[in-house]
C-alpha atoms as a PDB file:
ATOM      1  CA  MET A   1      -5.609 -38.339 -10.857  1.00  0.00           C
ATOM      2  CA  THR A   2      -8.172 -35.540  -9.705  1.00  0.00           C
ATOM      3  CA  ARG A   3      -7.198 -33.038  -6.927  1.00  0.00           C
ATOM      4  CA  ILE A   4      -9.757 -30.980  -4.824  1.00  0.00           C
ATOM      5  CA  ILE A   5      -8.627 -27.976  -2.768  1.00  0.00           C
ATOM      6  CA  LEU A   6     -11.155 -26.513  -0.435  1.00  0.00           C
ATOM      7  CA  TYR A   7     -11.130 -22.880   0.664  1.00  0.00           C
ATOM      8  CA  ASP A   8     -13.025 -21.976   3.512  1.00  0.00           C
ATOM      9  CA  GLN A   9     -16.254 -23.479   2.592  1.00  0.00           C
ATOM     10  CA  LYS A  10     -16.513 -20.638   0.271  1.00  0.00           C
ATOM     11  CA  SER A  11     -14.608 -21.810  -2.814  1.00  0.00           C
ATOM     12  CA  ILE A  12     -13.427 -25.409  -4.010  1.00  0.00           C
ATOM     13  CA  HIS A  13     -10.857 -26.008  -6.911  1.00  0.00           C
ATOM     14  CA  ILE A  14     -10.900 -29.281  -8.932  1.00  0.00           C
ATOM     15  CA  ASP A  15      -7.917 -30.290 -11.017  1.00  0.00           C
ATOM     16  CA  GLY A  16      -8.369 -33.329 -13.407  1.00  0.00           C
ATOM     17  CA  TYR A  17     -12.109 -32.990 -14.165  1.00  0.00           C
ATOM     18  CA  LYS A  18     -13.673 -34.244 -17.509  1.00  0.00           C
ATOM     19  CA  ASN A  19     -16.837 -32.748 -17.826  1.00  0.00           C
ATOM     20  CA  ILE A  20     -20.005 -31.487 -15.799  1.00  0.00           C
ATOM     21  CA  ILE A  21     -22.769 -33.710 -15.501  1.00  0.00           C
ATOM     22  CA  SER A  22     -25.462 -31.520 -13.794  1.00  0.00           C
ATOM     23  CA  PHE A  23     -25.636 -28.072 -12.477  1.00  0.00           C
ATOM     24  CA  SER A  24     -27.976 -25.856 -10.198  1.00  0.00           C
ATOM     25  CA  GLU A  25     -27.863 -23.474  -7.386  1.00  0.00           C
ATOM     26  CA  ASP A  26     -27.520 -26.084  -4.652  1.00  0.00           C
ATOM     27  CA  ARG A  27     -25.780 -28.889  -6.329  1.00  0.00           C
ATOM     28  CA  ILE A  28     -23.034 -29.614  -9.000  1.00  0.00           C
ATOM     29  CA  CYS A  29     -21.738 -32.930 -10.094  1.00  0.00           C
ATOM     30  CA  ILE A  30     -18.668 -33.285 -12.110  1.00  0.00           C
ATOM     31  CA  GLN A  31     -17.202 -36.344 -13.879  1.00  0.00           C
ATOM     32  CA  CYS A  32     -13.761 -37.044 -13.140  1.00  0.00           C
ATOM     33  CA  LYS A  33     -11.106 -39.734 -14.664  1.00  0.00           C
ATOM     34  CA  LYS A  34     -12.627 -42.799 -12.500  1.00  0.00           C
ATOM     35  CA  ASN A  35     -15.706 -41.144 -10.282  1.00  0.00           C
ATOM     36  CA  ALA A  36     -17.761 -38.173 -10.128  1.00  0.00           C
ATOM     37  CA  VAL A  37     -18.003 -35.778  -7.403  1.00  0.00           C
ATOM     38  CA  GLU A  38     -21.061 -33.877  -6.231  1.00  0.00           C
ATOM     39  CA  ILE A  39     -20.686 -30.412  -4.314  1.00  0.00           C
ATOM     40  CA  THR A  40     -23.607 -29.419  -2.498  1.00  0.00           C
ATOM     41  CA  GLY A  41     -24.313 -26.089  -1.192  1.00  0.00           C
ATOM     42  CA  ASP A  42     -26.189 -22.800  -1.471  1.00  0.00           C
ATOM     43  CA  LYS A  43     -25.797 -20.441  -4.366  1.00  0.00           C
ATOM     44  CA  LEU A  44     -23.226 -22.245  -5.976  1.00  0.00           C
ATOM     45  CA  PHE A  45     -21.574 -20.813  -9.285  1.00  0.00           C
ATOM     46  CA  VAL A  46     -18.483 -21.769 -11.539  1.00  0.00           C
ATOM     47  CA  SER A  47     -16.190 -18.838 -11.199  1.00  0.00           C
ATOM     48  CA  SER A  48     -13.675 -20.318 -13.938  1.00  0.00           C
ATOM     49  CA  PHE A  49     -12.633 -23.377 -15.726  1.00  0.00           C
ATOM     50  CA  SER A  50     -10.726 -24.619 -18.610  1.00  0.00           C
ATOM     51  CA  GLY A  51     -10.421 -28.031 -20.113  1.00  0.00           C
ATOM     52  CA  ILE A  52      -9.144 -29.535 -16.898  1.00  0.00           C
ATOM     53  CA  GLU A  53      -9.190 -27.286 -14.024  1.00  0.00           C
ATOM     54  CA  MET A  54     -12.626 -25.819 -12.516  1.00  0.00           C
ATOM     55  CA  THR A  55     -13.343 -23.307  -9.562  1.00  0.00           C
ATOM     56  CA  ILE A  56     -16.682 -23.403  -7.884  1.00  0.00           C
ATOM     57  CA  GLY A  57     -17.802 -20.503  -5.541  1.00  0.00           C
ATOM     58  CA  GLY A  58     -20.673 -20.044  -3.125  1.00  0.00           C
ATOM     59  CA  LYS A  59     -21.550 -21.761   0.549  1.00  0.00           C
ATOM     60  CA  ILE A  60     -20.356 -25.285   0.068  1.00  0.00           C
ATOM     61  CA  THR A  61     -21.622 -27.444   2.563  1.00  0.00           C
ATOM     62  CA  GLY A  62     -21.119 -30.950   1.208  1.00  0.00           C
ATOM     63  CA  ILE A  63     -18.465 -32.893  -1.057  1.00  0.00           C
ATOM     64  CA  LYS A  64     -19.164 -36.420  -1.944  1.00  0.00           C
ATOM     65  CA  TRP A  65     -17.230 -39.028  -4.409  1.00  0.00           C
ATOM     66  CA  ILE A  66     -19.810 -40.782  -6.582  1.00  0.00           C
ATOM     67  CA  ASP A  67     -18.996 -44.467  -8.112  1.00  0.00           C
ATOM     68  CA  MET A  68     -19.515 -44.366 -11.877  1.00  0.00           C
END
């Protein structure tokens, strides 16, 4: 199971991801257990990550699940 917590459009915490599919300042795509999640925004950055948890900062404008 993947859990996503959004904090005031400035930070998002993802628990239960597998790997980063793509990364840029305006789009980050992350592979989760069953699907992928696409985070869009402005000046996005990964502020912390471990094997199963990740926190992304920046101005977050969208979150979208992608079937894989």
